[in-house]
Amino acid sequence: MHGLLPTETGGWTPGELAQYCEAGLERQRIQARMLYTHAKLCALAVGGDFPELWEAFPLWSQQEVTAERVQRMKAAMLRKSKPQS
């Protein structure tokens, strides 16, 4: 479990264990974002196609993926609606 031995967690409450696991998942997500960004830059440099972050690293729930897609669409709509100077 995220680098812990069962003997190290014997005195932990279920809430403490859940919090530790959630922190481990967040660390994995941060590492995935860094690796993805680097790999995407390399792919763009050679003209390759690249999947979305959540497709390359399935660490996000469907709700989080949907929220990210909505946020990207809103940002794109805002960019298009701003007048060109």
N, C-alpha and C. Protein backbone atom coordinates (compact mmCIF):
# COMPACT_ATOMS: atom_id res chain seq x y z
N MET A 1 0.85 -1.18 0.00
CA MET A 1 0.00 0.00 0.00
C MET A 1 0.88 1.23 0.00
N HIS A 2 1.19 1.77 -1.16
CA HIS A 2 1.93 3.01 -1.30
C HIS A 2 3.23 3.02 -0.50
N GLY A 3 3.94 1.90 -0.45
CA GLY A 3 5.24 1.87 0.19
C GLY A 3 5.23 1.61 1.68
N LEU A 4 4.10 1.25 2.26
CA LEU A 4 4.03 0.94 3.68
C LEU A 4 3.88 -0.56 3.91
N LEU A 5 4.52 -1.03 4.95
CA LEU A 5 4.34 -2.42 5.35
C LEU A 5 3.11 -2.52 6.24
N PRO A 6 2.39 -3.63 6.21
CA PRO A 6 1.22 -3.77 7.07
C PRO A 6 1.54 -3.59 8.56
N THR A 7 2.75 -3.96 8.96
CA THR A 7 3.11 -3.81 10.37
C THR A 7 3.26 -2.34 10.78
N GLU A 8 3.52 -1.46 9.80
CA GLU A 8 3.68 -0.03 10.11
C GLU A 8 2.34 0.67 10.31
N THR A 9 1.27 0.09 9.81
CA THR A 9 -0.04 0.74 9.87
C THR A 9 -0.96 0.11 10.90
N GLY A 10 -0.45 -0.75 11.74
CA GLY A 10 -1.28 -1.47 12.70
C GLY A 10 -2.06 -0.58 13.64
N GLY A 11 -1.50 0.55 14.06
CA GLY A 11 -2.18 1.42 14.99
C GLY A 11 -2.97 2.55 14.35
N TRP A 12 -3.07 2.55 13.04
CA TRP A 12 -3.75 3.63 12.34
C TRP A 12 -5.26 3.40 12.30
N THR A 13 -6.01 4.48 12.30
CA THR A 13 -7.45 4.38 12.18
C THR A 13 -7.78 4.24 10.69
N PRO A 14 -8.99 3.78 10.37
CA PRO A 14 -9.37 3.69 8.95
C PRO A 14 -9.29 5.04 8.24
N GLY A 15 -9.62 6.12 8.94
CA GLY A 15 -9.53 7.45 8.35
C GLY A 15 -8.10 7.84 8.01
N GLU A 16 -7.17 7.48 8.89
CA GLU A 16 -5.76 7.78 8.63
C GLU A 16 -5.24 6.98 7.43
N LEU A 17 -5.66 5.74 7.34
CA LEU A 17 -5.26 4.92 6.19
C LEU A 17 -5.82 5.48 4.89
N ALA A 18 -7.09 5.89 4.91
CA ALA A 18 -7.70 6.46 3.71
C ALA A 18 -7.00 7.75 3.31
N GLN A 19 -6.67 8.58 4.29
CA GLN A 19 -5.98 9.85 4.00
C GLN A 19 -4.60 9.58 3.40
N TYR A 20 -3.91 8.58 3.92
CA TYR A 20 -2.59 8.24 3.39
C TYR A 20 -2.69 7.75 1.94
N CYS A 21 -3.71 6.93 1.66
CA CYS A 21 -3.91 6.43 0.29
C CYS A 21 -4.26 7.56 -0.67
N GLU A 22 -5.11 8.49 -0.23
CA GLU A 22 -5.48 9.62 -1.07
C GLU A 22 -4.27 10.49 -1.37
N ALA A 23 -3.41 10.68 -0.38
CA ALA A 23 -2.18 11.47 -0.60
C ALA A 23 -1.27 10.75 -1.60
N GLY A 24 -1.21 9.44 -1.51
CA GLY A 24 -0.42 8.66 -2.46
C GLY A 24 -0.95 8.79 -3.87
N LEU A 25 -2.28 8.78 -4.02
CA LEU A 25 -2.89 8.94 -5.33
C LEU A 25 -2.58 10.33 -5.89
N GLU A 26 -2.63 11.35 -5.03
CA GLU A 26 -2.33 12.70 -5.50
C GLU A 26 -0.87 12.82 -5.93
N ARG A 27 0.04 12.15 -5.22
CA ARG A 27 1.45 12.14 -5.65
C ARG A 27 1.59 11.48 -7.02
N GLN A 28 0.87 10.39 -7.24
CA GLN A 28 0.91 9.71 -8.55
C GLN A 28 0.37 10.62 -9.64
N ARG A 29 -0.68 11.37 -9.33
CA ARG A 29 -1.25 12.29 -10.32
C ARG A 29 -0.26 13.39 -10.68
N ILE A 30 0.43 13.93 -9.70
CA ILE A 30 1.41 14.98 -9.95
C ILE A 30 2.53 14.44 -10.83
N GLN A 31 3.02 13.26 -10.50
CA GLN A 31 4.08 12.65 -11.31
C GLN A 31 3.58 12.37 -12.73
N ALA A 32 2.36 11.90 -12.86
CA ALA A 32 1.79 11.62 -14.18
C ALA A 32 1.70 12.89 -15.01
N ARG A 33 1.27 14.00 -14.39
CA ARG A 33 1.19 15.27 -15.11
C ARG A 33 2.56 15.70 -15.62
N MET A 34 3.59 15.57 -14.79
CA MET A 34 4.94 15.96 -15.20
C MET A 34 5.43 15.08 -16.36
N LEU A 35 5.26 13.77 -16.23
CA LEU A 35 5.69 12.86 -17.30
C LEU A 35 4.92 13.11 -18.59
N TYR A 36 3.63 13.34 -18.45
CA TYR A 36 2.78 13.59 -19.61
C TYR A 36 3.20 14.86 -20.33
N THR A 37 3.45 15.92 -19.58
CA THR A 37 3.85 17.19 -20.19
C THR A 37 5.15 17.03 -20.96
N HIS A 38 6.10 16.34 -20.37
CA HIS A 38 7.39 16.12 -21.04
C HIS A 38 7.20 15.28 -22.31
N ALA A 39 6.44 14.21 -22.20
CA ALA A 39 6.23 13.34 -23.36
C ALA A 39 5.45 14.06 -24.46
N LYS A 40 4.49 14.89 -24.08
CA LYS A 40 3.70 15.62 -25.08
C LYS A 40 4.57 16.63 -25.81
N LEU A 41 5.44 17.32 -25.08
CA LEU A 41 6.36 18.26 -25.74
C LEU A 41 7.27 17.54 -26.74
N CYS A 42 7.75 16.38 -26.35
CA CYS A 42 8.59 15.59 -27.26
C CYS A 42 7.80 15.16 -28.49
N ALA A 43 6.56 14.72 -28.30
CA ALA A 43 5.73 14.28 -29.42
C ALA A 43 5.40 15.45 -30.35
N LEU A 44 5.12 16.61 -29.78
CA LEU A 44 4.83 17.78 -30.60
C LEU A 44 6.06 18.21 -31.40
N ALA A 45 7.23 18.05 -30.81
CA ALA A 45 8.47 18.44 -31.49
C ALA A 45 8.72 17.60 -32.74
N VAL A 46 8.29 16.35 -32.72
CA VAL A 46 8.51 15.48 -33.88
C VAL A 46 7.23 15.30 -34.70
N GLY A 47 6.19 16.06 -34.35
CA GLY A 47 4.95 16.02 -35.13
C GLY A 47 4.06 14.84 -34.85
N GLY A 48 4.21 14.22 -33.69
CA GLY A 48 3.38 13.06 -33.37
C GLY A 48 2.06 13.43 -32.73
N ASP A 49 1.15 12.49 -32.71
CA ASP A 49 -0.15 12.67 -32.07
C ASP A 49 -0.04 12.13 -30.65
N PHE A 50 -0.83 12.70 -29.74
CA PHE A 50 -0.70 12.30 -28.34
C PHE A 50 -2.06 12.21 -27.68
N PRO A 51 -2.29 11.20 -26.84
CA PRO A 51 -3.59 11.06 -26.17
C PRO A 51 -3.75 12.10 -25.05
N GLU A 52 -4.96 12.22 -24.55
CA GLU A 52 -5.21 13.09 -23.40
C GLU A 52 -4.56 12.51 -22.16
N LEU A 53 -4.35 13.36 -21.17
CA LEU A 53 -3.69 12.95 -19.93
C LEU A 53 -4.41 11.77 -19.28
N TRP A 54 -5.73 11.86 -19.18
CA TRP A 54 -6.49 10.80 -18.50
C TRP A 54 -6.55 9.52 -19.31
N GLU A 55 -6.24 9.57 -20.59
CA GLU A 55 -6.16 8.35 -21.38
C GLU A 55 -4.80 7.69 -21.19
N ALA A 56 -3.76 8.52 -21.08
CA ALA A 56 -2.40 7.98 -20.91
C ALA A 56 -2.19 7.45 -19.49
N PHE A 57 -2.75 8.15 -18.51
CA PHE A 57 -2.63 7.76 -17.10
C PHE A 57 -4.03 7.71 -16.50
N PRO A 58 -4.65 6.56 -16.42
CA PRO A 58 -6.04 6.48 -15.94
C PRO A 58 -6.14 6.59 -14.41
N LEU A 59 -5.77 7.74 -13.88
CA LEU A 59 -5.80 7.97 -12.43
C LEU A 59 -6.95 8.89 -12.02
N TRP A 60 -7.78 9.31 -12.98
CA TRP A 60 -8.85 10.24 -12.71
C TRP A 60 -10.19 9.56 -12.91
N SER A 61 -11.17 9.98 -12.09
CA SER A 61 -12.52 9.42 -12.23
C SER A 61 -13.21 10.05 -13.44
N GLN A 62 -14.30 9.45 -13.86
CA GLN A 62 -15.05 9.96 -15.02
C GLN A 62 -15.57 11.37 -14.72
N GLN A 63 -15.97 11.65 -13.49
CA GLN A 63 -16.45 12.98 -13.13
C GLN A 63 -15.34 14.02 -13.26
N GLU A 64 -14.13 13.67 -12.84
CA GLU A 64 -13.01 14.59 -12.95
C GLU A 64 -12.64 14.84 -14.42
N VAL A 65 -12.72 13.80 -15.23
CA VAL A 65 -12.44 13.94 -16.66
C VAL A 65 -13.47 14.86 -17.30
N THR A 66 -14.75 14.65 -16.97
CA THR A 66 -15.81 15.48 -17.52
C THR A 66 -15.64 16.93 -17.09
N ALA A 67 -15.31 17.16 -15.84
CA ALA A 67 -15.09 18.53 -15.34
C ALA A 67 -13.94 19.20 -16.08
N GLU A 68 -12.87 18.47 -16.34
CA GLU A 68 -11.72 19.02 -17.07
C GLU A 68 -12.11 19.36 -18.51
N ARG A 69 -12.88 18.50 -19.15
CA ARG A 69 -13.32 18.76 -20.52
C ARG A 69 -14.21 20.01 -20.58
N VAL A 70 -15.12 20.15 -19.61
CA VAL A 70 -15.99 21.32 -19.55
C VAL A 70 -15.16 22.58 -19.36
N GLN A 71 -14.17 22.52 -18.47
CA GLN A 71 -13.31 23.67 -18.22
C GLN A 71 -12.55 24.06 -19.50
N ARG A 72 -12.05 23.08 -20.23
CA ARG A 72 -11.33 23.37 -21.48
C ARG A 72 -12.26 24.00 -22.52
N MET A 73 -13.51 23.49 -22.60
CA MET A 73 -14.46 24.05 -23.56
C MET A 73 -14.79 25.50 -23.19
N LYS A 74 -14.98 25.77 -21.91
CA LYS A 74 -15.27 27.14 -21.48
C LYS A 74 -14.11 28.07 -21.83
N ALA A 75 -12.89 27.63 -21.58
CA ALA A 75 -11.72 28.45 -21.89
C ALA A 75 -11.64 28.72 -23.39
N ALA A 76 -11.92 27.70 -24.20
CA ALA A 76 -11.88 27.88 -25.66
C ALA A 76 -12.96 28.85 -26.11
N MET A 77 -14.15 28.75 -25.52
CA MET A 77 -15.24 29.66 -25.88
C MET A 77 -14.91 31.10 -25.49
N LEU A 78 -14.28 31.28 -24.34
CA LEU A 78 -13.88 32.62 -23.91
C LEU A 78 -12.83 33.21 -24.86
N ARG A 79 -11.88 32.38 -25.28
CA ARG A 79 -10.87 32.85 -26.22
C ARG A 79 -11.50 33.28 -27.54
N LYS A 80 -12.48 32.53 -28.02
CA LYS A 80 -13.12 32.85 -29.29
C LYS A 80 -14.01 34.09 -29.18
N SER A 81 -14.59 34.31 -28.00
CA SER A 81 -15.51 35.42 -27.83
C SER A 81 -14.81 36.76 -27.62
N LYS A 82 -13.52 36.75 -27.24
CA LYS A 82 -12.79 38.00 -27.05
C LYS A 82 -12.47 38.61 -28.40
N PRO A 83 -12.69 39.92 -28.53
CA PRO A 83 -12.39 40.58 -29.81
C PRO A 83 -10.88 40.62 -30.07
N GLN A 84 -10.53 40.47 -31.32
CA GLN A 84 -9.13 40.51 -31.72
C GLN A 84 -8.67 41.97 -31.73
N SER A 85 -7.54 42.26 -31.14
CA SER A 85 -7.02 43.64 -31.10
C SER A 85 -6.06 43.90 -32.24
